[in-house]
C-alpha atoms as a PDB file:
ATOM      1  CA  MET A   1      55.967  80.116  78.516  1.00  0.00           C
ATOM      2  CA  THR A   2      57.312  76.999  76.899  1.00  0.00           C
ATOM      3  CA  ALA A   3      56.199  75.178  73.769  1.00  0.00           C
ATOM      4  CA  SER A   4      54.408  72.622  75.931  1.00  0.00           C
ATOM      5  CA  THR A   5      52.299  75.446  77.437  1.00  0.00           C
ATOM      6  CA  TYR A   6      50.848  75.877  73.969  1.00  0.00           C
ATOM      7  CA  ALA A   7      50.532  72.105  73.418  1.00  0.00           C
ATOM      8  CA  ALA A   8      52.340  72.457  70.114  1.00  0.00           C
ATOM      9  CA  HIS A   9      54.440  70.079  68.056  1.00  0.00           C
ATOM     10  CA  LEU A  10      56.907  70.879  65.304  1.00  0.00           C
ATOM     11  CA  ALA A  11      56.004  69.874  61.752  1.00  0.00           C
ATOM     12  CA  GLN A  12      58.706  69.435  59.140  1.00  0.00           C
ATOM     13  CA  LEU A  13      58.590  69.111  55.356  1.00  0.00           C
ATOM     14  CA  ASN A  14      61.648  68.323  53.298  1.00  0.00           C
ATOM     15  CA  VAL A  15      61.520  68.002  49.518  1.00  0.00           C
ATOM     16  CA  ALA A  16      64.302  66.442  47.466  1.00  0.00           C
ATOM     17  CA  THR A  17      64.662  66.371  43.692  1.00  0.00           C
ATOM     18  CA  LEU A  18      66.009  63.033  42.549  1.00  0.00           C
ATOM     19  CA  ARG A  19      68.986  62.944  40.180  1.00  0.00           C
ATOM     20  CA  HIS A  20      67.760  59.558  38.908  1.00  0.00           C
ATOM     21  CA  PRO A  21      64.594  57.437  39.340  1.00  0.00           C
ATOM     22  CA  LEU A  22      64.342  55.528  42.625  1.00  0.00           C
ATOM     23  CA  ASP A  23      64.812  52.213  40.801  1.00  0.00           C
ATOM     24  CA  ASP A  24      68.084  53.390  39.205  1.00  0.00           C
ATOM     25  CA  PRO A  25      71.164  51.578  40.592  1.00  0.00           C
ATOM     26  CA  ARG A  26      72.809  54.951  41.304  1.00  0.00           C
ATOM     27  CA  VAL A  27      70.099  55.646  43.900  1.00  0.00           C
ATOM     28  CA  ALA A  28      70.168  52.124  45.382  1.00  0.00           C
ATOM     29  CA  PRO A  29      72.306  53.091  48.418  1.00  0.00           C
ATOM     30  CA  PHE A  30      69.694  55.689  49.410  1.00  0.00           C
ATOM     31  CA  VAL A  31      66.807  53.269  48.907  1.00  0.00           C
ATOM     32  CA  GLU A  32      68.659  50.626  50.943  1.00  0.00           C
ATOM     33  CA  MET A  33      68.982  53.085  53.873  1.00  0.00           C
ATOM     34  CA  LEU A  34      65.293  54.057  53.920  1.00  0.00           C
ATOM     35  CA  ASP A  35      63.941  51.267  56.126  1.00  0.00           C
ATOM     36  CA  SER A  36      66.707  51.639  58.678  1.00  0.00           C
ATOM     37  CA  VAL A  37      66.470  55.437  58.840  1.00  0.00           C
ATOM     38  CA  ASN A  38      62.665  55.356  59.040  1.00  0.00           C
ATOM     39  CA  THR A  39      62.814  52.767  61.825  1.00  0.00           C
ATOM     40  CA  ALA A  40      65.292  54.989  63.664  1.00  0.00           C
ATOM     41  CA  ALA A  41      62.963  57.971  63.245  1.00  0.00           C
ATOM     42  CA  ASP A  42      59.956  56.010  64.464  1.00  0.00           C
ATOM     43  CA  GLY A  43      61.850  55.129  67.650  1.00  0.00           C
ATOM     44  CA  ALA A  44      63.613  58.458  68.171  1.00  0.00           C
ATOM     45  CA  PRO A  45      62.895  60.484  71.306  1.00  0.00           C
ATOM     46  CA  GLY A  46      60.264  63.108  70.545  1.00  0.00           C
ATOM     47  CA  PHE A  47      59.055  61.516  67.302  1.00  0.00           C
ATOM     48  CA  VAL A  48      55.280  61.865  66.807  1.00  0.00           C
ATOM     49  CA  TRP A  49      54.383  60.924  63.210  1.00  0.00           C
ATOM     50  CA  ARG A  50      55.606  60.626  59.621  1.00  0.00           C
ATOM     51  CA  LEU A  51      53.786  60.566  56.325  1.00  0.00           C
ATOM     52  CA  VAL A  52      53.537  57.071  54.861  1.00  0.00           C
ATOM     53  CA  ALA A  53      51.796  56.221  51.597  1.00  0.00           C
ATOM     54  CA  GLU A  54      48.898  53.790  51.911  1.00  0.00           C
ATOM     55  CA  GLY A  55      50.203  50.235  51.642  1.00  0.00           C
ATOM     56  CA  ALA A  56      53.844  51.375  51.735  1.00  0.00           C
ATOM     57  CA  ALA A  57      56.603  51.674  54.335  1.00  0.00           C
ATOM     58  CA  ASP A  58      57.401  55.283  53.452  1.00  0.00           C
ATOM     59  CA  ALA A  59      56.228  58.226  51.341  1.00  0.00           C
ATOM     60  CA  THR A  60      58.587  57.906  48.371  1.00  0.00           C
ATOM     61  CA  VAL A  61      55.791  56.834  45.998  1.00  0.00           C
ATOM     62  CA  LEU A  62      53.901  60.066  46.663  1.00  0.00           C
ATOM     63  CA  ARG A  63      54.861  62.828  44.248  1.00  0.00           C
ATOM     64  CA  PRO A  64      52.805  65.914  45.203  1.00  0.00           C
ATOM     65  CA  ALA A  65      55.635  68.311  44.382  1.00  0.00           C
ATOM     66  CA  GLY A  66      56.598  66.885  40.984  1.00  0.00           C
ATOM     67  CA  GLU A  67      57.355  63.521  39.430  1.00  0.00           C
ATOM     68  CA  ASP A  68      61.057  63.689  40.311  1.00  0.00           C
ATOM     69  CA  VAL A  69      60.552  65.127  43.833  1.00  0.00           C
ATOM     70  CA  ILE A  70      60.161  63.017  46.968  1.00  0.00           C
ATOM     71  CA  VAL A  71      58.725  64.451  50.180  1.00  0.00           C
ATOM     72  CA  ASN A  72      59.382  63.765  53.834  1.00  0.00           C
ATOM     73  CA  LEU A  73      56.705  65.106  56.194  1.00  0.00           C
ATOM     74  CA  THR A  74      57.068  64.509  59.931  1.00  0.00           C
ATOM     75  CA  VAL A  75      55.902  65.822  63.308  1.00  0.00           C
ATOM     76  CA  TRP A  76      58.099  66.059  66.405  1.00  0.00           C
ATOM     77  CA  GLU A  77      57.474  67.061  70.005  1.00  0.00           C
ATOM     78  CA  THR A  78      60.215  69.701  69.953  1.00  0.00           C
ATOM     79  CA  ARG A  79      62.751  71.383  67.711  1.00  0.00           C
ATOM     80  CA  GLU A  80      65.495  69.704  69.740  1.00  0.00           C
ATOM     81  CA  ALA A  81      64.034  66.251  69.074  1.00  0.00           C
ATOM     82  CA  LEU A  82      64.006  66.860  65.316  1.00  0.00           C
ATOM     83  CA  TRP A  83      67.508  68.353  65.406  1.00  0.00           C
ATOM     84  CA  GLY A  84      68.802  65.369  67.375  1.00  0.00           C
ATOM     85  CA  PHE A  85      67.405  62.876  64.910  1.00  0.00           C
ATOM     86  CA  THR A  86      68.522  64.865  61.862  1.00  0.00           C
ATOM     87  CA  TYR A  87      72.106  65.492  62.964  1.00  0.00           C
ATOM     88  CA  ARG A  88      72.852  62.914  65.679  1.00  0.00           C
ATOM     89  CA  SER A  89      71.581  59.636  64.260  1.00  0.00           C
ATOM     90  CA  GLU A  90      72.170  57.409  61.249  1.00  0.00           C
ATOM     91  CA  HIS A  91      70.142  59.987  59.298  1.00  0.00           C
ATOM     92  CA  LEU A  92      73.316  62.062  59.200  1.00  0.00           C
ATOM     93  CA  GLU A  93      74.848  59.578  56.723  1.00  0.00           C
ATOM     94  CA  VAL A  94      71.985  60.308  54.309  1.00  0.00           C
ATOM     95  CA  MET A  95      72.637  64.032  54.771  1.00  0.00           C
ATOM     96  CA  ARG A  96      76.350  63.578  54.060  1.00  0.00           C
ATOM     97  CA  ARG A  97      75.654  61.659  50.842  1.00  0.00           C
ATOM     98  CA  ARG A  98      72.599  63.603  49.615  1.00  0.00           C
ATOM     99  CA  ARG A  99      74.413  65.165  46.631  1.00  0.00           C
ATOM    100  CA  GLU A 100      74.903  61.661  45.188  1.00  0.00           C
ATOM    101  CA  TRP A 101      71.137  61.209  44.903  1.00  0.00           C
ATOM    102  CA  PHE A 102      69.505  64.663  44.946  1.00  0.00           C
ATOM    103  CA  GLU A 103      69.872  67.907  43.049  1.00  0.00           C
ATOM    104  CA  ARG A 104      70.972  71.015  44.929  1.00  0.00           C
ATOM    105  CA  HIS A 105      67.934  73.211  45.521  1.00  0.00           C
ATOM    106  CA  VAL A 106      68.206  76.913  44.780  1.00  0.00           C
ATOM    107  CA  GLU A 107      65.035  77.643  46.765  1.00  0.00           C
ATOM    108  CA  ALA A 108      64.234  76.508  50.287  1.00  0.00           C
ATOM    109  CA  HIS A 109      63.634  72.747  50.443  1.00  0.00           C
ATOM    110  CA  LEU A 110      62.987  72.426  54.181  1.00  0.00           C
ATOM    111  CA  VAL A 111      60.282  74.162  56.181  1.00  0.00           C
ATOM    112  CA  LEU A 112      59.331  73.943  59.845  1.00  0.00           C
ATOM    113  CA  TRP A 113      56.176  75.202  61.550  1.00  0.00           C
ATOM    114  CA  TRP A 114      54.272  74.662  64.775  1.00  0.00           C
ATOM    115  CA  VAL A 115      51.020  72.707  64.811  1.00  0.00           C
ATOM    116  CA  PRO A 116      48.611  72.060  67.686  1.00  0.00           C
ATOM    117  CA  ALA A 117      49.503  68.811  69.465  1.00  0.00           C
ATOM    118  CA  GLY A 118      47.446  66.047  67.879  1.00  0.00           C
ATOM    119  CA  HIS A 119      47.203  67.760  64.477  1.00  0.00           C
ATOM    120  CA  LEU A 120      48.704  65.805  61.570  1.00  0.00           C
ATOM    121  CA  PRO A 121      49.481  68.169  58.712  1.00  0.00           C
ATOM    122  CA  THR A 122      48.394  67.354  55.195  1.00  0.00           C
ATOM    123  CA  VAL A 123      50.768  67.392  52.262  1.00  0.00           C
ATOM    124  CA  ASP A 124      48.892  70.403  50.854  1.00  0.00           C
ATOM    125  CA  GLU A 125      49.315  72.268  54.137  1.00  0.00           C
ATOM    126  CA  ALA A 126      53.024  71.428  54.171  1.00  0.00           C
ATOM    127  CA  LEU A 127      53.573  72.531  50.564  1.00  0.00           C
ATOM    128  CA  GLU A 128      51.729  75.786  51.327  1.00  0.00           C
ATOM    129  CA  ARG A 129      54.133  76.432  54.243  1.00  0.00           C
ATOM    130  CA  LEU A 130      57.100  75.782  51.955  1.00  0.00           C
ATOM    131  CA  ALA A 131      55.651  78.182  49.374  1.00  0.00           C
ATOM    132  CA  ASP A 132      55.170  80.783  52.130  1.00  0.00           C
ATOM    133  CA  LEU A 133      58.807  80.422  53.201  1.00  0.00           C
ATOM    134  CA  ARG A 134      59.994  80.722  49.606  1.00  0.00           C
ATOM    135  CA  ALA A 135      57.826  83.758  48.885  1.00  0.00           C
ATOM    136  CA  HIS A 136      58.194  85.703  52.145  1.00  0.00           C
ATOM    137  CA  GLY A 137      61.232  84.335  53.943  1.00  0.00           C
ATOM    138  CA  PRO A 138      61.306  82.978  57.476  1.00  0.00           C
ATOM    139  CA  SER A 139      58.511  83.889  59.866  1.00  0.00           C
ATOM    140  CA  ALA A 140      56.785  82.269  62.826  1.00  0.00           C
ATOM    141  CA  ARG A 141      54.484  80.699  60.211  1.00  0.00           C
ATOM    142  CA  ALA A 142      57.240  79.011  58.150  1.00  0.00           C
ATOM    143  CA  PHE A 143      60.883  78.829  59.167  1.00  0.00           C
ATOM    144  CA  THR A 144      64.080  76.750  59.124  1.00  0.00           C
ATOM    145  CA  PHE A 145      66.572  75.483  61.682  1.00  0.00           C
ATOM    146  CA  ALA A 146      68.713  78.557  60.976  1.00  0.00           C
ATOM    147  CA  SER A 147      65.789  80.973  61.419  1.00  0.00           C
ATOM    148  CA  SER A 148      63.806  79.206  64.102  1.00  0.00           C
ATOM    149  CA  TYR A 149      60.784  80.506  66.009  1.00  0.00           C
ATOM    150  CA  SER A 150      59.396  79.109  69.223  1.00  0.00           C
ATOM    151  CA  ALA A 151      55.871  77.780  69.614  1.00  0.00           C
ATOM    152  CA  ALA A 152      55.158  80.768  71.869  1.00  0.00           C
ATOM    153  CA  GLU A 153      56.279  83.190  69.134  1.00  0.00           C
ATOM    154  CA  ALA A 154      54.145  81.385  66.567  1.00  0.00           C
ATOM    155  CA  ALA A 155      51.093  81.462  68.866  1.00  0.00           C
ATOM    156  CA  ARG A 156      51.617  85.175  69.576  1.00  0.00           C
ATOM    157  CA  ASP A 157      51.962  85.982  65.863  1.00  0.00           C
ATOM    158  CA  LEU A 158      48.779  84.023  65.067  1.00  0.00           C
ATOM    159  CA  ARG A 159      46.844  85.904  67.754  1.00  0.00           C
ATOM    160  CA  THR A 160      48.165  89.231  66.434  1.00  0.00           C
ATOM    161  CA  ALA A 161      47.237  88.333  62.841  1.00  0.00           C
ATOM    162  CA  ALA A 162      43.752  87.250  63.920  1.00  0.00           C
ATOM    163  CA  ARG A 163      43.140  90.688  65.491  1.00  0.00           C
ATOM    164  CA  LYS A 164      44.057  92.535  62.278  1.00  0.00           C
END
């Protein structure tokens, strides 16, 4: 069975610890790229949704993981769609330059998980998935690109857990 059989989408949370405040000139190149990269995401094949703060164009004003941490929470139709945007679009330039603007994380800073199609994850839900990945390592509940699980595997693991 495929992911679409389970009517699932892939949720993604990425947290980044700023080296300097967003209004610092050293972070200006990142801030200047935000609109363009977000517009590219919004129009990317397989894009479903991204977290945006009320009255803003993005989520950088939200600080649920700490005052110096920005979050990026998105939903995609497939793992391949997210991968394509992340590594085959102008987003790649942000990835290449991330050390200029963000601290290197010792713990996991990216988490992926499957959600039912139509479900928009909350920031709390996303942070809980990241905490799960950090505490227990990759599983069908919380994983990374390098340790990926299919929607079918996630659905099977959820059914197994529910029977226990």
